[in-house]
Amino acid sequence: MIIHDEAVKKVLMDSGWSEGRKVDITVYIEAYKKYGYDMPDKVKEVLTAFGGLTLKIPDYRYRYYCKITGKTSAKENDLYTFLIVKPDELLKNDWDRIIKETRDYTKEVATFYKLSEVYPIGFRSDYEEEYYIGENGELIDTHEDMSIRLGNSFEEGIKRIMTDKDTDMEYFSEY
């Protein structure tokens, strides 16, 4: 996968990625099949390049919060988003009820963004948020019934985490 933005490229390389990286995604394909997903090329491209990595992304929003409030974090890691790219961890449950709930949830997210499908690709290290790739490569962040489209590509989404204080989520369904 080619990354054009040098700052994003550096963050990804510091997390273990390299240009031309291609990992075997068989385990991810099997997990998707179990849940009834067909995997489009954009999802394959992201998972082949980043599968298995934990991306340590400087989180501008939190840094901005510290700057305007004068508060500081007790831990340096609070200043980062750790995106763990392991869809098989999100899709490991074999219970029919959980499979149905997961599919229903992803369909709600897709409908909210006027996409035919979104694909779970990873989660934040504290399991508070899940990340999805849209059919065209969009990076989407969700937490319960809230969501934000971070970018129209994986690279744009990472860049937004790094540079934008306005990453508030919107509700996509009524509880």
C-alpha atoms as a PDB file:
ATOM      1  CA  MET A   1       0.000   0.000   0.000  1.00  0.00           C
ATOM      2  CA  ILE A   2       1.347   3.414  -0.895  1.00  0.00           C
ATOM      3  CA  ILE A   3       1.154   6.174   1.723  1.00  0.00           C
ATOM      4  CA  HIS A   4       1.721   9.681   0.376  1.00  0.00           C
ATOM      5  CA  ASP A   5       1.702  11.832   3.502  1.00  0.00           C
ATOM      6  CA  GLU A   6       5.175  11.792   5.084  1.00  0.00           C
ATOM      7  CA  ALA A   7       3.925  12.362   8.657  1.00  0.00           C
ATOM      8  CA  VAL A   8       1.446   9.489   8.366  1.00  0.00           C
ATOM      9  CA  LYS A   9       4.117   7.318   6.755  1.00  0.00           C
ATOM     10  CA  LYS A  10       6.486   7.955   9.678  1.00  0.00           C
ATOM     11  CA  VAL A  11       3.830   7.034  12.269  1.00  0.00           C
ATOM     12  CA  LEU A  12       2.995   3.847  10.384  1.00  0.00           C
ATOM     13  CA  MET A  13       6.655   2.899   9.943  1.00  0.00           C
ATOM     14  CA  ASP A  14       7.308   3.520  13.652  1.00  0.00           C
ATOM     15  CA  SER A  15       4.480   1.031  14.279  1.00  0.00           C
ATOM     16  CA  GLY A  16       6.127  -1.714  12.219  1.00  0.00           C
ATOM     17  CA  TRP A  17       4.708  -1.070   8.758  1.00  0.00           C
ATOM     18  CA  SER A  18       6.889  -0.835   5.666  1.00  0.00           C
ATOM     19  CA  GLU A  19       6.161  -0.033   2.033  1.00  0.00           C
ATOM     20  CA  GLY A  20       5.410  -3.226   0.190  1.00  0.00           C
ATOM     21  CA  ARG A  21       4.428  -5.073   3.389  1.00  0.00           C
ATOM     22  CA  LYS A  22       2.181  -8.010   2.570  1.00  0.00           C
ATOM     23  CA  VAL A  23       0.973 -10.324   5.292  1.00  0.00           C
ATOM     24  CA  ASP A  24      -1.062 -13.467   4.839  1.00  0.00           C
ATOM     25  CA  ILE A  25      -4.689 -12.523   5.530  1.00  0.00           C
ATOM     26  CA  THR A  26      -6.153 -16.043   5.333  1.00  0.00           C
ATOM     27  CA  VAL A  27      -7.214 -15.951   8.996  1.00  0.00           C
ATOM     28  CA  TYR A  28      -9.046 -12.653   8.377  1.00  0.00           C
ATOM     29  CA  ILE A  29     -10.758 -13.979   5.248  1.00  0.00           C
ATOM     30  CA  GLU A  30     -12.011 -17.004   7.197  1.00  0.00           C
ATOM     31  CA  ALA A  31     -13.305 -14.793  10.025  1.00  0.00           C
ATOM     32  CA  TYR A  32     -15.161 -12.583   7.526  1.00  0.00           C
ATOM     33  CA  LYS A  33     -16.680 -15.623   5.789  1.00  0.00           C
ATOM     34  CA  LYS A  34     -17.974 -16.974   9.110  1.00  0.00           C
ATOM     35  CA  TYR A  35     -19.821 -13.691   9.590  1.00  0.00           C
ATOM     36  CA  GLY A  36     -21.129 -13.598   6.008  1.00  0.00           C
ATOM     37  CA  TYR A  37     -18.829 -10.899   4.614  1.00  0.00           C
ATOM     38  CA  ASP A  38     -17.364 -10.847   1.140  1.00  0.00           C
ATOM     39  CA  MET A  39     -14.057  -9.000   1.288  1.00  0.00           C
ATOM     40  CA  PRO A  40     -13.606  -6.263  -1.342  1.00  0.00           C
ATOM     41  CA  ASP A  41     -10.197  -5.262  -2.682  1.00  0.00           C
ATOM     42  CA  LYS A  42      -9.923  -2.094  -0.555  1.00  0.00           C
ATOM     43  CA  VAL A  43     -10.316  -4.114   2.647  1.00  0.00           C
ATOM     44  CA  LYS A  44      -7.814  -6.708   1.426  1.00  0.00           C
ATOM     45  CA  GLU A  45      -5.352  -3.930   0.603  1.00  0.00           C
ATOM     46  CA  VAL A  46      -5.547  -2.428   4.118  1.00  0.00           C
ATOM     47  CA  LEU A  47      -5.363  -5.772   5.896  1.00  0.00           C
ATOM     48  CA  THR A  48      -2.490  -7.042   3.750  1.00  0.00           C
ATOM     49  CA  ALA A  49      -0.507  -3.900   4.574  1.00  0.00           C
ATOM     50  CA  PHE A  50      -1.436  -3.397   8.237  1.00  0.00           C
ATOM     51  CA  GLY A  51      -2.859  -6.698   9.526  1.00  0.00           C
ATOM     52  CA  GLY A  52      -1.491  -7.735  12.903  1.00  0.00           C
ATOM     53  CA  LEU A  53       0.022  -4.337  13.699  1.00  0.00           C
ATOM     54  CA  THR A  54      -0.754  -2.041  16.609  1.00  0.00           C
ATOM     55  CA  LEU A  55      -0.617   1.468  15.182  1.00  0.00           C
ATOM     56  CA  LYS A  56       0.552   4.081  17.712  1.00  0.00           C
ATOM     57  CA  ILE A  57      -1.028   7.277  16.390  1.00  0.00           C
ATOM     58  CA  PRO A  58      -0.401  10.665  18.052  1.00  0.00           C
ATOM     59  CA  ASP A  59      -3.869  11.832  19.120  1.00  0.00           C
ATOM     60  CA  TYR A  60      -4.191  15.551  18.353  1.00  0.00           C
ATOM     61  CA  ARG A  61      -7.589  15.864  19.987  1.00  0.00           C
ATOM     62  CA  TYR A  62      -6.287  14.820  23.384  1.00  0.00           C
ATOM     63  CA  ARG A  63      -3.168  16.957  23.019  1.00  0.00           C
ATOM     64  CA  TYR A  64      -5.400  19.910  22.115  1.00  0.00           C
ATOM     65  CA  TYR A  65      -7.583  19.259  25.172  1.00  0.00           C
ATOM     66  CA  CYS A  66      -4.489  19.333  27.402  1.00  0.00           C
ATOM     67  CA  LYS A  67      -3.331  22.545  25.727  1.00  0.00           C
ATOM     68  CA  ILE A  68      -6.587  24.472  26.204  1.00  0.00           C
ATOM     69  CA  THR A  69      -7.406  23.166  29.693  1.00  0.00           C
ATOM     70  CA  GLY A  70      -3.884  23.191  31.070  1.00  0.00           C
ATOM     71  CA  LYS A  71      -4.429  19.636  32.297  1.00  0.00           C
ATOM     72  CA  THR A  72      -1.808  17.032  31.634  1.00  0.00           C
ATOM     73  CA  SER A  73      -2.027  13.309  31.352  1.00  0.00           C
ATOM     74  CA  ALA A  74      -0.717  11.012  34.029  1.00  0.00           C
ATOM     75  CA  LYS A  75       0.488   8.650  31.290  1.00  0.00           C
ATOM     76  CA  GLU A  76       2.276   9.374  28.038  1.00  0.00           C
ATOM     77  CA  ASN A  77       0.178   6.684  26.323  1.00  0.00           C
ATOM     78  CA  ASP A  78      -2.930   8.836  26.859  1.00  0.00           C
ATOM     79  CA  LEU A  79      -1.584  11.063  24.091  1.00  0.00           C
ATOM     80  CA  TYR A  80      -1.924   8.289  21.494  1.00  0.00           C
ATOM     81  CA  THR A  81      -4.599   6.224  19.839  1.00  0.00           C
ATOM     82  CA  PHE A  82      -3.522   2.585  19.638  1.00  0.00           C
ATOM     83  CA  LEU A  83      -5.359   1.030  16.697  1.00  0.00           C
ATOM     84  CA  ILE A  84      -4.966  -2.764  16.746  1.00  0.00           C
ATOM     85  CA  VAL A  85      -5.545  -4.142  13.234  1.00  0.00           C
ATOM     86  CA  LYS A  86      -6.914  -7.612  13.983  1.00  0.00           C
ATOM     87  CA  PRO A  87     -10.413  -8.174  12.614  1.00  0.00           C
ATOM     88  CA  ASP A  88     -10.271 -11.834  13.654  1.00  0.00           C
ATOM     89  CA  GLU A  89     -10.294 -10.656  17.303  1.00  0.00           C
ATOM     90  CA  LEU A  90     -13.564  -8.800  16.673  1.00  0.00           C
ATOM     91  CA  LEU A  91     -15.050 -11.708  14.742  1.00  0.00           C
ATOM     92  CA  LYS A  92     -14.022 -14.615  16.945  1.00  0.00           C
ATOM     93  CA  ASN A  93     -17.371 -15.471  18.480  1.00  0.00           C
ATOM     94  CA  ASP A  94     -19.199 -18.506  17.089  1.00  0.00           C
ATOM     95  CA  TRP A  95     -22.569 -17.860  18.701  1.00  0.00           C
ATOM     96  CA  ASP A  96     -25.293 -17.252  16.146  1.00  0.00           C
ATOM     97  CA  ARG A  97     -26.792 -14.456  18.267  1.00  0.00           C
ATOM     98  CA  ILE A  98     -23.484 -12.552  18.420  1.00  0.00           C
ATOM     99  CA  ILE A  99     -22.890 -13.053  14.688  1.00  0.00           C
ATOM    100  CA  LYS A 100     -26.360 -11.641  13.953  1.00  0.00           C
ATOM    101  CA  GLU A 101     -25.857  -8.684  16.327  1.00  0.00           C
ATOM    102  CA  THR A 102     -22.502  -7.891  14.739  1.00  0.00           C
ATOM    103  CA  ARG A 103     -23.947  -7.994  11.225  1.00  0.00           C
ATOM    104  CA  ASP A 104     -26.934  -5.867  12.247  1.00  0.00           C
ATOM    105  CA  TYR A 105     -24.597  -3.305  13.835  1.00  0.00           C
ATOM    106  CA  THR A 106     -22.350  -3.074  10.776  1.00  0.00           C
ATOM    107  CA  LYS A 107     -25.399  -2.673   8.558  1.00  0.00           C
ATOM    108  CA  GLU A 108     -26.559   0.257  10.707  1.00  0.00           C
ATOM    109  CA  VAL A 109     -23.151   1.905  10.410  1.00  0.00           C
ATOM    110  CA  ALA A 110     -23.089   1.328   6.644  1.00  0.00           C
ATOM    111  CA  THR A 111     -26.591   2.739   6.225  1.00  0.00           C
ATOM    112  CA  PHE A 112     -25.653   5.846   8.232  1.00  0.00           C
ATOM    113  CA  TYR A 113     -22.799   6.561   5.802  1.00  0.00           C
ATOM    114  CA  LYS A 114     -24.791   5.523   2.727  1.00  0.00           C
ATOM    115  CA  LEU A 115     -22.490   2.582   2.055  1.00  0.00           C
ATOM    116  CA  SER A 116     -23.554  -0.918   1.128  1.00  0.00           C
ATOM    117  CA  GLU A 117     -21.189  -2.448   3.710  1.00  0.00           C
ATOM    118  CA  VAL A 118     -18.516  -1.723   6.312  1.00  0.00           C
ATOM    119  CA  TYR A 119     -15.950  -4.243   7.507  1.00  0.00           C
ATOM    120  CA  PRO A 120     -14.542  -4.524  11.037  1.00  0.00           C
ATOM    121  CA  ILE A 121     -10.755  -4.163  10.874  1.00  0.00           C
ATOM    122  CA  GLY A 122      -9.647  -3.404  14.405  1.00  0.00           C
ATOM    123  CA  PHE A 123     -10.136  -1.807  17.771  1.00  0.00           C
ATOM    124  CA  ARG A 124      -8.574   0.648  20.165  1.00  0.00           C
ATOM    125  CA  SER A 125      -6.297  -0.908  22.779  1.00  0.00           C
ATOM    126  CA  ASP A 126      -8.789  -0.247  25.583  1.00  0.00           C
ATOM    127  CA  TYR A 127     -11.610  -1.834  23.504  1.00  0.00           C
ATOM    128  CA  GLU A 128     -13.592   1.412  23.792  1.00  0.00           C
ATOM    129  CA  GLU A 129     -13.773   1.912  20.029  1.00  0.00           C
ATOM    130  CA  GLU A 130     -13.940  -0.272  16.955  1.00  0.00           C
ATOM    131  CA  TYR A 131     -12.652   0.635  13.506  1.00  0.00           C
ATOM    132  CA  TYR A 132     -14.199  -0.247  10.153  1.00  0.00           C
ATOM    133  CA  ILE A 133     -13.256   0.109   6.516  1.00  0.00           C
ATOM    134  CA  GLY A 134     -16.002   1.102   4.102  1.00  0.00           C
ATOM    135  CA  GLU A 135     -16.372  -0.573   0.740  1.00  0.00           C
ATOM    136  CA  ASN A 136     -14.390   2.244  -0.898  1.00  0.00           C
ATOM    137  CA  GLY A 137     -11.660   2.386   1.752  1.00  0.00           C
ATOM    138  CA  GLU A 138     -13.222   4.862   4.205  1.00  0.00           C
ATOM    139  CA  LEU A 139     -11.896   4.678   7.788  1.00  0.00           C
ATOM    140  CA  ILE A 140     -14.735   4.727  10.315  1.00  0.00           C
ATOM    141  CA  ASP A 141     -14.466   4.840  14.113  1.00  0.00           C
ATOM    142  CA  THR A 142     -17.378   3.665  16.288  1.00  0.00           C
ATOM    143  CA  HIS A 143     -18.257   3.531  19.954  1.00  0.00           C
ATOM    144  CA  GLU A 144     -21.590   1.946  20.877  1.00  0.00           C
ATOM    145  CA  ASP A 145     -24.177   3.858  18.809  1.00  0.00           C
ATOM    146  CA  MET A 146     -21.874   6.729  17.867  1.00  0.00           C
ATOM    147  CA  SER A 147     -19.578   6.979  14.898  1.00  0.00           C
ATOM    148  CA  ILE A 148     -17.351   9.230  12.815  1.00  0.00           C
ATOM    149  CA  ARG A 149     -16.022   8.842   9.301  1.00  0.00           C
ATOM    150  CA  LEU A 150     -12.400   9.776   9.889  1.00  0.00           C
ATOM    151  CA  GLY A 151     -11.474   9.857   6.217  1.00  0.00           C
ATOM    152  CA  ASN A 152     -12.316   8.649   2.743  1.00  0.00           C
ATOM    153  CA  SER A 153      -9.214   6.457   2.878  1.00  0.00           C
ATOM    154  CA  PHE A 154      -7.188   4.704   5.544  1.00  0.00           C
ATOM    155  CA  GLU A 155      -4.431   7.298   5.157  1.00  0.00           C
ATOM    156  CA  GLU A 156      -6.868  10.240   5.476  1.00  0.00           C
ATOM    157  CA  GLY A 157      -8.347   8.692   8.605  1.00  0.00           C
ATOM    158  CA  ILE A 158      -4.960   8.280  10.289  1.00  0.00           C
ATOM    159  CA  LYS A 159      -4.053  11.852   9.329  1.00  0.00           C
ATOM    160  CA  ARG A 160      -7.250  13.145  10.886  1.00  0.00           C
ATOM    161  CA  ILE A 161      -6.531  11.425  14.200  1.00  0.00           C
ATOM    162  CA  MET A 162      -3.119  13.092  14.112  1.00  0.00           C
ATOM    163  CA  THR A 163      -4.213  16.611  13.160  1.00  0.00           C
ATOM    164  CA  ASP A 164      -7.878  17.352  13.893  1.00  0.00           C
ATOM    165  CA  LYS A 165      -9.350  18.408  17.221  1.00  0.00           C
ATOM    166  CA  ASP A 166     -12.857  17.984  15.792  1.00  0.00           C
ATOM    167  CA  THR A 167     -13.328  14.229  15.920  1.00  0.00           C
ATOM    168  CA  ASP A 168     -16.613  14.146  17.817  1.00  0.00           C
ATOM    169  CA  MET A 169     -18.868  11.256  16.948  1.00  0.00           C
ATOM    170  CA  GLU A 170     -22.491  11.386  15.835  1.00  0.00           C
ATOM    171  CA  TYR A 171     -25.273   9.051  16.933  1.00  0.00           C
ATOM    172  CA  PHE A 172     -26.278   6.740  14.102  1.00  0.00           C
ATOM    173  CA  SER A 173     -29.115   4.877  15.799  1.00  0.00           C
ATOM    174  CA  GLU A 174     -31.662   5.456  18.498  1.00  0.00           C
ATOM    175  CA  TYR A 175     -31.237   3.516  21.702  1.00  0.00           C
END
